[in-house]
PDB file of N, CA and C in Angstrom:
ATOM      1  N   MET A   1      47.057  26.098   0.298  1.00  0.00           N
ATOM      2  CA  MET A   1      47.238  26.820   0.287  1.00  0.00           C
ATOM      3  C   MET A   1      48.284  28.149   1.040  1.00  0.00           C
ATOM      4  N   GLU A   2      48.056  29.621   0.331  1.00  0.00           N
ATOM      5  CA  GLU A   2      49.427  30.280   0.991  1.00  0.00           C
ATOM      6  C   GLU A   2      48.694  30.780   1.856  1.00  0.00           C
ATOM      7  N   VAL A   3      49.893  31.068   3.186  1.00  0.00           N
ATOM      8  CA  VAL A   3      50.105  31.711   4.091  1.00  0.00           C
ATOM      9  C   VAL A   3      50.959  33.159   4.415  1.00  0.00           C
ATOM     10  N   SER A   4      50.204  34.022   4.215  1.00  0.00           N
ATOM     11  CA  SER A   4      50.665  35.133   4.213  1.00  0.00           C
ATOM     12  C   SER A   4      50.807  35.872   5.536  1.00  0.00           C
ATOM     13  N   LEU A   5      51.587  36.914   6.144  1.00  0.00           N
ATOM     14  CA  LEU A   5      51.807  37.490   7.676  1.00  0.00           C
ATOM     15  C   LEU A   5      50.925  38.033   8.129  1.00  0.00           C
ATOM     16  N   LYS A   6      49.408  38.090   6.685  1.00  0.00           N
ATOM     17  CA  LYS A   6      48.635  39.259   7.060  1.00  0.00           C
ATOM     18  C   LYS A   6      47.727  37.919   7.987  1.00  0.00           C
ATOM     19  N   LEU A   7      47.938  36.804   7.230  1.00  0.00           N
ATOM     20  CA  LEU A   7      47.088  35.454   7.297  1.00  0.00           C
ATOM     21  C   LEU A   7      47.168  35.249   9.029  1.00  0.00           C
ATOM     22  N   ILE A   8      48.520  34.800   9.077  1.00  0.00           N
ATOM     23  CA  ILE A   8      48.756  34.244  10.562  1.00  0.00           C
ATOM     24  C   ILE A   8      48.348  35.772  11.744  1.00  0.00           C
ATOM     25  N   ALA A   9      48.784  37.309  11.286  1.00  0.00           N
ATOM     26  CA  ALA A   9      48.449  37.882  11.889  1.00  0.00           C
ATOM     27  C   ALA A   9      46.673  37.816  12.373  1.00  0.00           C
ATOM     28  N   VAL A  10      46.375  37.128  11.721  1.00  0.00           N
ATOM     29  CA  VAL A  10      44.617  37.242  11.876  1.00  0.00           C
ATOM     30  C   VAL A  10      44.609  36.037  12.677  1.00  0.00           C
ATOM     31  N   ALA A  11      44.834  35.406  12.118  1.00  0.00           N
ATOM     32  CA  ALA A  11      45.124  33.582  13.370  1.00  0.00           C
ATOM     33  C   ALA A  11      45.451  34.242  14.759  1.00  0.00           C
ATOM     34  N   VAL A  12      46.847  35.085  14.484  1.00  0.00           N
ATOM     35  CA  VAL A  12      46.995  34.928  16.239  1.00  0.00           C
ATOM     36  C   VAL A  12      45.865  35.790  16.682  1.00  0.00           C
ATOM     37  N   VAL A  13      45.498  36.714  16.137  1.00  0.00           N
ATOM     38  CA  VAL A  13      44.613  37.854  17.022  1.00  0.00           C
ATOM     39  C   VAL A  13      43.029  36.812  17.560  1.00  0.00           C
ATOM     40  N   VAL A  14      43.247  36.186  16.312  1.00  0.00           N
ATOM     41  CA  VAL A  14      41.724  35.321  16.315  1.00  0.00           C
ATOM     42  C   VAL A  14      41.877  34.561  17.764  1.00  0.00           C
ATOM     43  N   LEU A  15      42.683  33.719  17.947  1.00  0.00           N
ATOM     44  CA  LEU A  15      43.257  33.160  19.127  1.00  0.00           C
ATOM     45  C   LEU A  15      43.096  34.153  20.257  1.00  0.00           C
ATOM     46  N   LEU A  16      43.893  34.942  20.507  1.00  0.00           N
ATOM     47  CA  LEU A  16      43.728  36.206  21.750  1.00  0.00           C
ATOM     48  C   LEU A  16      42.212  36.142  21.494  1.00  0.00           C
ATOM     49  N   VAL A  17      41.510  36.635  20.967  1.00  0.00           N
ATOM     50  CA  VAL A  17      40.072  37.042  20.953  1.00  0.00           C
ATOM     51  C   VAL A  17      39.371  36.255  21.611  1.00  0.00           C
ATOM     52  N   ASN A  18      39.371  35.299  21.386  1.00  0.00           N
ATOM     53  CA  ASN A  18      38.637  33.631  21.968  1.00  0.00           C
ATOM     54  C   ASN A  18      39.016  33.613  23.459  1.00  0.00           C
ATOM     55  N   VAL A  19      40.440  33.803  24.003  1.00  0.00           N
ATOM     56  CA  VAL A  19      40.862  33.608  25.281  1.00  0.00           C
ATOM     57  C   VAL A  19      39.725  33.594  26.181  1.00  0.00           C
ATOM     58  N   PRO A  20      39.360  34.739  26.352  1.00  0.00           N
ATOM     59  CA  PRO A  20      38.575  35.358  26.799  1.00  0.00           C
ATOM     60  C   PRO A  20      36.994  34.639  27.548  1.00  0.00           C
ATOM     61  N   PHE A  21      36.370  34.358  25.818  1.00  0.00           N
ATOM     62  CA  PHE A  21      35.182  33.976  25.757  1.00  0.00           C
ATOM     63  C   PHE A  21      35.592  31.903  26.117  1.00  0.00           C
ATOM     64  N   GLY A  22      36.388  31.398  26.042  1.00  0.00           N
ATOM     65  CA  GLY A  22      36.520  30.024  26.396  1.00  0.00           C
ATOM     66  C   GLY A  22      36.594  29.815  28.022  1.00  0.00           C
ATOM     67  N   PHE A  23      37.800  31.298  28.732  1.00  0.00           N
ATOM     68  CA  PHE A  23      37.732  31.027  29.892  1.00  0.00           C
ATOM     69  C   PHE A  23      35.975  31.654  30.501  1.00  0.00           C
ATOM     70  N   TRP A  24      35.137  32.282  29.741  1.00  0.00           N
ATOM     71  CA  TRP A  24      33.687  32.448  29.793  1.00  0.00           C
ATOM     72  C   TRP A  24      33.178  31.323  30.107  1.00  0.00           C
ATOM     73  N   ARG A  25      33.222  30.854  29.172  1.00  0.00           N
ATOM     74  CA  ARG A  25      32.299  29.588  28.634  1.00  0.00           C
ATOM     75  C   ARG A  25      32.644  28.526  29.191  1.00  0.00           C
ATOM     76  N   ALA A  26      33.824  28.078  29.802  1.00  0.00           N
ATOM     77  CA  ALA A  26      33.940  27.484  31.017  1.00  0.00           C
ATOM     78  C   ALA A  26      33.708  27.282  32.259  1.00  0.00           C
ATOM     79  N   GLY A  27      33.254  28.267  32.813  1.00  0.00           N
ATOM     80  CA  GLY A  27      32.755  28.848  33.768  1.00  0.00           C
ATOM     81  C   GLY A  27      30.680  28.907  33.680  1.00  0.00           C
ATOM     82  N   THR A  28      30.051  28.240  32.491  1.00  0.00           N
ATOM     83  CA  THR A  28      28.664  28.641  32.392  1.00  0.00           C
ATOM     84  C   THR A  28      28.361  26.643  32.531  1.00  0.00           C
ATOM     85  N   ARG A  29      27.115  26.557  32.605  1.00  0.00           N
ATOM     86  CA  ARG A  29      26.099  25.625  32.169  1.00  0.00           C
ATOM     87  C   ARG A  29      26.362  24.944  30.869  1.00  0.00           C
ATOM     88  N   LYS A  30      27.096  23.863  30.272  1.00  0.00           N
ATOM     89  CA  LYS A  30      27.068  22.903  28.958  1.00  0.00           C
ATOM     90  C   LYS A  30      25.359  23.596  27.983  1.00  0.00           C
ATOM     91  N   PHE A  31      25.528  24.466  26.951  1.00  0.00           N
ATOM     92  CA  PHE A  31      24.250  24.564  25.985  1.00  0.00           C
ATOM     93  C   PHE A  31      23.435  25.404  26.436  1.00  0.00           C
ATOM     94  N   SER A  32      23.843  26.167  27.794  1.00  0.00           N
ATOM     95  CA  SER A  32      23.039  27.450  27.869  1.00  0.00           C
ATOM     96  C   SER A  32      23.316  28.290  26.843  1.00  0.00           C
ATOM     97  N   LEU A  33      22.002  29.215  27.573  1.00  0.00           N
ATOM     98  CA  LEU A  33      21.711  30.863  26.480  1.00  0.00           C
ATOM     99  C   LEU A  33      23.559  31.534  27.228  1.00  0.00           C
ATOM    100  N   ARG A  34      24.171  31.301  27.848  1.00  0.00           N
ATOM    101  CA  ARG A  34      25.469  31.936  29.111  1.00  0.00           C
ATOM    102  C   ARG A  34      26.565  30.889  27.529  1.00  0.00           C
ATOM    103  N   TRP A  35      26.321  29.762  27.250  1.00  0.00           N
ATOM    104  CA  TRP A  35      27.461  28.982  26.847  1.00  0.00           C
ATOM    105  C   TRP A  35      27.882  29.198  25.479  1.00  0.00           C
ATOM    106  N   PHE A  36      26.224  29.549  25.010  1.00  0.00           N
ATOM    107  CA  PHE A  36      25.594  29.906  23.544  1.00  0.00           C
ATOM    108  C   PHE A  36      26.825  30.976  23.082  1.00  0.00           C
ATOM    109  N   ALA A  37      26.081  32.164  24.008  1.00  0.00           N
ATOM    110  CA  ALA A  37      26.706  33.088  23.507  1.00  0.00           C
ATOM    111  C   ALA A  37      28.351  33.560  23.730  1.00  0.00           C
ATOM    112  N   ALA A  38      28.792  32.709  24.582  1.00  0.00           N
ATOM    113  CA  ALA A  38      30.551  32.962  24.732  1.00  0.00           C
ATOM    114  C   ALA A  38      31.164  31.769  23.221  1.00  0.00           C
ATOM    115  N   VAL A  39      30.323  31.322  23.314  1.00  0.00           N
ATOM    116  CA  VAL A  39      30.969  30.193  21.609  1.00  0.00           C
ATOM    117  C   VAL A  39      30.798  31.320  20.686  1.00  0.00           C
ATOM    118  N   HIS A  40      29.732  32.096  20.507  1.00  0.00           N
ATOM    119  CA  HIS A  40      28.628  32.775  18.968  1.00  0.00           C
ATOM    120  C   HIS A  40      29.063  34.408  19.488  1.00  0.00           C
ATOM    121  N   VAL A  41      29.485  35.016  20.474  1.00  0.00           N
ATOM    122  CA  VAL A  41      29.680  36.335  20.166  1.00  0.00           C
ATOM    123  C   VAL A  41      30.911  36.838  19.303  1.00  0.00           C
ATOM    124  N   PRO A  42      31.984  35.842  19.681  1.00  0.00           N
ATOM    125  CA  PRO A  42      33.431  35.931  18.909  1.00  0.00           C
ATOM    126  C   PRO A  42      33.341  36.000  17.697  1.00  0.00           C
ATOM    127  N   VAL A  43      32.588  35.483  17.116  1.00  0.00           N
ATOM    128  CA  VAL A  43      32.254  35.216  15.645  1.00  0.00           C
ATOM    129  C   VAL A  43      32.263  36.076  14.321  1.00  0.00           C
ATOM    130  N   PRO A  44      31.018  37.173  14.986  1.00  0.00           N
ATOM    131  CA  PRO A  44      31.355  38.438  14.436  1.00  0.00           C
ATOM    132  C   PRO A  44      32.781  39.404  14.582  1.00  0.00           C
ATOM    133  N   LEU A  45      33.207  39.794  15.729  1.00  0.00           N
ATOM    134  CA  LEU A  45      34.621  40.274  15.867  1.00  0.00           C
ATOM    135  C   LEU A  45      35.405  39.670  14.932  1.00  0.00           C
ATOM    136  N   VAL A  46      35.972  37.604  14.966  1.00  0.00           N
ATOM    137  CA  VAL A  46      36.342  37.352  13.897  1.00  0.00           C
ATOM    138  C   VAL A  46      35.717  38.020  12.431  1.00  0.00           C
ATOM    139  N   ILE A  47      34.840  37.722  12.165  1.00  0.00           N
ATOM    140  CA  ILE A  47      34.931  38.656  11.021  1.00  0.00           C
ATOM    141  C   ILE A  47      35.285  40.111  10.355  1.00  0.00           C
ATOM    142  N   LEU A  48      35.119  40.710  11.567  1.00  0.00           N
ATOM    143  CA  LEU A  48      35.914  42.545  11.496  1.00  0.00           C
ATOM    144  C   LEU A  48      37.188  42.190  11.772  1.00  0.00           C
ATOM    145  N   VAL A  49      37.793  41.478  12.283  1.00  0.00           N
ATOM    146  CA  VAL A  49      39.532  41.581  12.069  1.00  0.00           C
ATOM    147  C   VAL A  49      39.811  40.783  10.702  1.00  0.00           C
ATOM    148  N   ARG A  50      38.982  39.780  10.482  1.00  0.00           N
ATOM    149  CA  ARG A  50      39.802  39.458   9.186  1.00  0.00           C
ATOM    150  C   ARG A  50      39.079  41.043   8.178  1.00  0.00           C
ATOM    151  N   LEU A  51      38.150  41.561   7.990  1.00  0.00           N
ATOM    152  CA  LEU A  51      37.740  42.211   7.093  1.00  0.00           C
ATOM    153  C   LEU A  51      38.773  43.400   7.609  1.00  0.00           C
ATOM    154  N   LEU A  52      38.882  43.451   8.322  1.00  0.00           N
ATOM    155  CA  LEU A  52      39.591  45.133   8.548  1.00  0.00           C
ATOM    156  C   LEU A  52      41.235  44.876   8.015  1.00  0.00           C
ATOM    157  N   ALA A  53      41.771  43.532   8.246  1.00  0.00           N
ATOM    158  CA  ALA A  53      43.395  43.150   8.144  1.00  0.00           C
ATOM    159  C   ALA A  53      43.176  43.348   6.579  1.00  0.00           C
ATOM    160  N   GLY A  54      41.678  42.848   5.620  1.00  0.00           N
ATOM    161  CA  GLY A  54      42.167  42.640   4.745  1.00  0.00           C
ATOM    162  C   GLY A  54      41.920  41.486   3.934  1.00  0.00           C
ATOM    163  N   VAL A  55      42.054  40.578   4.541  1.00  0.00           N
ATOM    164  CA  VAL A  55      42.518  39.358   4.616  1.00  0.00           C
ATOM    165  C   VAL A  55      40.831  38.795   3.506  1.00  0.00           C
ATOM    166  N   GLU A  56      40.637  38.035   1.912  1.00  0.00           N
ATOM    167  CA  GLU A  56      40.074  37.997   1.984  1.00  0.00           C
ATOM    168  C   GLU A  56      39.323  36.650   2.233  1.00  0.00           C
ATOM    169  N   TRP A  57      37.823  36.100   1.957  1.00  0.00           N
ATOM    170  CA  TRP A  57      37.443  35.007   2.591  1.00  0.00           C
ATOM    171  C   TRP A  57      37.621  33.731   1.464  1.00  0.00           C
ATOM    172  N   ARG A  58      38.645  32.888   1.960  1.00  0.00           N
ATOM    173  CA  ARG A  58      38.778  31.774   1.128  1.00  0.00           C
ATOM    174  C   ARG A  58      38.584  30.503   1.531  1.00  0.00           C
ATOM    175  N   TRP A  59      38.139  29.311   1.348  1.00  0.00           N
ATOM    176  CA  TRP A  59      37.849  28.173   1.557  1.00  0.00           C
ATOM    177  C   TRP A  59      39.243  27.769   2.178  1.00  0.00           C
ATOM    178  N   THR A  60      39.986  27.995   1.734  1.00  0.00           N
ATOM    179  CA  THR A  60      41.354  27.174   1.963  1.00  0.00           C
ATOM    180  C   THR A  60      41.812  27.613   3.446  1.00  0.00           C
ATOM    181  N   ARG A  61      41.604  28.807   3.973  1.00  0.00           N
ATOM    182  CA  ARG A  61      41.898  29.258   4.739  1.00  0.00           C
ATOM    183  C   ARG A  61      41.316  29.327   6.185  1.00  0.00           C
ATOM    184  N   LEU A  62      40.310  28.729   5.676  1.00  0.00           N
ATOM    185  CA  LEU A  62      38.925  28.169   7.038  1.00  0.00           C
ATOM    186  C   LEU A  62      40.041  26.919   7.675  1.00  0.00           C
ATOM    187  N   PRO A  63      40.348  26.011   7.237  1.00  0.00           N
ATOM    188  CA  PRO A  63      41.397  25.133   8.827  1.00  0.00           C
ATOM    189  C   PRO A  63      42.100  26.548   9.837  1.00  0.00           C
ATOM    190  N   LEU A  64      42.831  26.979   8.933  1.00  0.00           N
ATOM    191  CA  LEU A  64      43.529  28.226  10.552  1.00  0.00           C
ATOM    192  C   LEU A  64      42.974  28.431  10.697  1.00  0.00           C
ATOM    193  N   LEU A  65      42.344  29.307  10.308  1.00  0.00           N
ATOM    194  CA  LEU A  65      40.891  30.172  10.823  1.00  0.00           C
ATOM    195  C   LEU A  65      40.386  29.909  12.130  1.00  0.00           C
ATOM    196  N   ALA A  66      39.962  28.679  11.987  1.00  0.00           N
ATOM    197  CA  ALA A  66      39.121  27.498  12.801  1.00  0.00           C
ATOM    198  C   ALA A  66      40.135  26.882  13.770  1.00  0.00           C
ATOM    199  N   ALA A  67      40.694  26.897  13.878  1.00  0.00           N
ATOM    200  CA  ALA A  67      42.040  25.876  14.643  1.00  0.00           C
ATOM    201  C   ALA A  67      42.329  27.366  15.234  1.00  0.00           C
ATOM    202  N   ALA A  68      42.630  28.360  15.296  1.00  0.00           N
ATOM    203  CA  ALA A  68      42.707  29.546  16.178  1.00  0.00           C
ATOM    204  C   ALA A  68      41.722  29.928  16.927  1.00  0.00           C
ATOM    205  N   TYR A  69      40.673  30.008  16.448  1.00  0.00           N
ATOM    206  CA  TYR A  69      39.292  30.237  17.132  1.00  0.00           C
ATOM    207  C   TYR A  69      39.118  28.956  18.027  1.00  0.00           C
ATOM    208  N   PHE A  70      39.362  28.070  17.825  1.00  0.00           N
ATOM    209  CA  PHE A  70      38.638  26.717  18.809  1.00  0.00           C
ATOM    210  C   PHE A  70      40.369  26.711  19.808  1.00  0.00           C
ATOM    211  N   ALA A  71      41.616  26.777  19.914  1.00  0.00           N
ATOM    212  CA  ALA A  71      42.498  26.748  20.077  1.00  0.00           C
ATOM    213  C   ALA A  71      42.618  28.133  21.258  1.00  0.00           C
ATOM    214  N   GLY A  72      42.142  29.168  21.110  1.00  0.00           N
ATOM    215  CA  GLY A  72      41.786  30.208  21.779  1.00  0.00           C
ATOM    216  C   GLY A  72      40.880  29.975  23.280  1.00  0.00           C
ATOM    217  N   GLN A  73      39.752  29.195  22.361  1.00  0.00           N
ATOM    218  CA  GLN A  73      38.727  29.000  23.402  1.00  0.00           C
ATOM    219  C   GLN A  73      39.298  27.985  24.367  1.00  0.00           C
ATOM    220  N   LEU A  74      39.398  27.098  23.937  1.00  0.00           N
ATOM    221  CA  LEU A  74      40.422  25.999  24.299  1.00  0.00           C
ATOM    222  C   LEU A  74      41.588  26.252  25.638  1.00  0.00           C
ATOM    223  N   LEU A  75      42.325  27.151  25.445  1.00  0.00           N
ATOM    224  CA  LEU A  75      42.942  28.354  26.312  1.00  0.00           C
ATOM    225  C   LEU A  75      42.526  28.808  27.211  1.00  0.00           C
ATOM    226  N   GLY A  76      41.397  29.660  26.976  1.00  0.00           N
ATOM    227  CA  GLY A  76      40.911  30.405  27.770  1.00  0.00           C
ATOM    228  C   GLY A  76      40.160  29.616  28.963  1.00  0.00           C
ATOM    229  N   SER A  77      39.749  28.395  28.343  1.00  0.00           N
ATOM    230  CA  SER A  77      38.745  27.091  29.276  1.00  0.00           C
ATOM    231  C   SER A  77      39.584  26.446  30.498  1.00  0.00           C
ATOM    232  N   LYS A  78      40.788  26.393  29.746  1.00  0.00           N
ATOM    233  CA  LYS A  78      42.174  25.248  30.482  1.00  0.00           C
ATOM    234  C   LYS A  78      42.450  26.429  32.212  1.00  0.00           C
ATOM    235  N   PHE A  79      42.388  27.928  31.214  1.00  0.00           N
ATOM    236  CA  PHE A  79      43.169  28.740  32.037  1.00  0.00           C
ATOM    237  C   PHE A  79      41.696  29.202  33.304  1.00  0.00           C
ATOM    238  N   ARG A  80      40.983  28.854  32.649  1.00  0.00           N
ATOM    239  CA  ARG A  80      39.308  28.960  33.900  1.00  0.00           C
ATOM    240  C   ARG A  80      39.685  27.423  34.986  1.00  0.00           C
ATOM    241  N   THR A  81      39.566  27.028  34.097  1.00  0.00           N
ATOM    242  CA  THR A  81      39.862  25.574  35.037  1.00  0.00           C
ATOM    243  C   THR A  81      41.014  24.705  35.762  1.00  0.00           C
ATOM    244  N   GLY A  82      42.010  25.732  34.736  1.00  0.00           N
ATOM    245  CA  GLY A  82      43.658  25.399  36.195  1.00  0.00           C
ATOM    246  C   GLY A  82      44.614  24.127  35.280  1.00  0.00           C
ATOM    247  N   ASN A  83      43.150  23.487  34.320  1.00  0.00           N
ATOM    248  CA  ASN A  83      43.963  21.977  33.643  1.00  0.00           C
ATOM    249  C   ASN A  83      44.961  22.648  32.355  1.00  0.00           C
ATOM    250  N   ARG A  84      46.559  22.406  32.212  1.00  0.00           N
ATOM    251  CA  ARG A  84      47.374  23.477  31.901  1.00  0.00           C
ATOM    252  C   ARG A  84      47.912  21.557  31.112  1.00  0.00           C
ATOM    253  N   SER A  85      47.363  20.402  31.477  1.00  0.00           N
ATOM    254  CA  SER A  85      48.324  19.118  30.835  1.00  0.00           C
ATOM    255  C   SER A  85      47.521  19.252  29.504  1.00  0.00           C
TER     256      SER A  85
END
């Protein structure tokens, strides 16, 4: 997988975008409408960031961007719950 500085920057932005949504998600009932929104609202934002950065879609980039997405969600939830271990 080719990893460019632009792709790494997009991954960092994806992580940071998801932190507040993970924080929000941690305060909702699992599988509720708000939980669903907290998980899915950032998806168009992630796509927009990728498009604005000029990073083309490739299947080989999915693991990195998905990891950044879930890491941001997890980090945000850890901030909410205070469980940083």
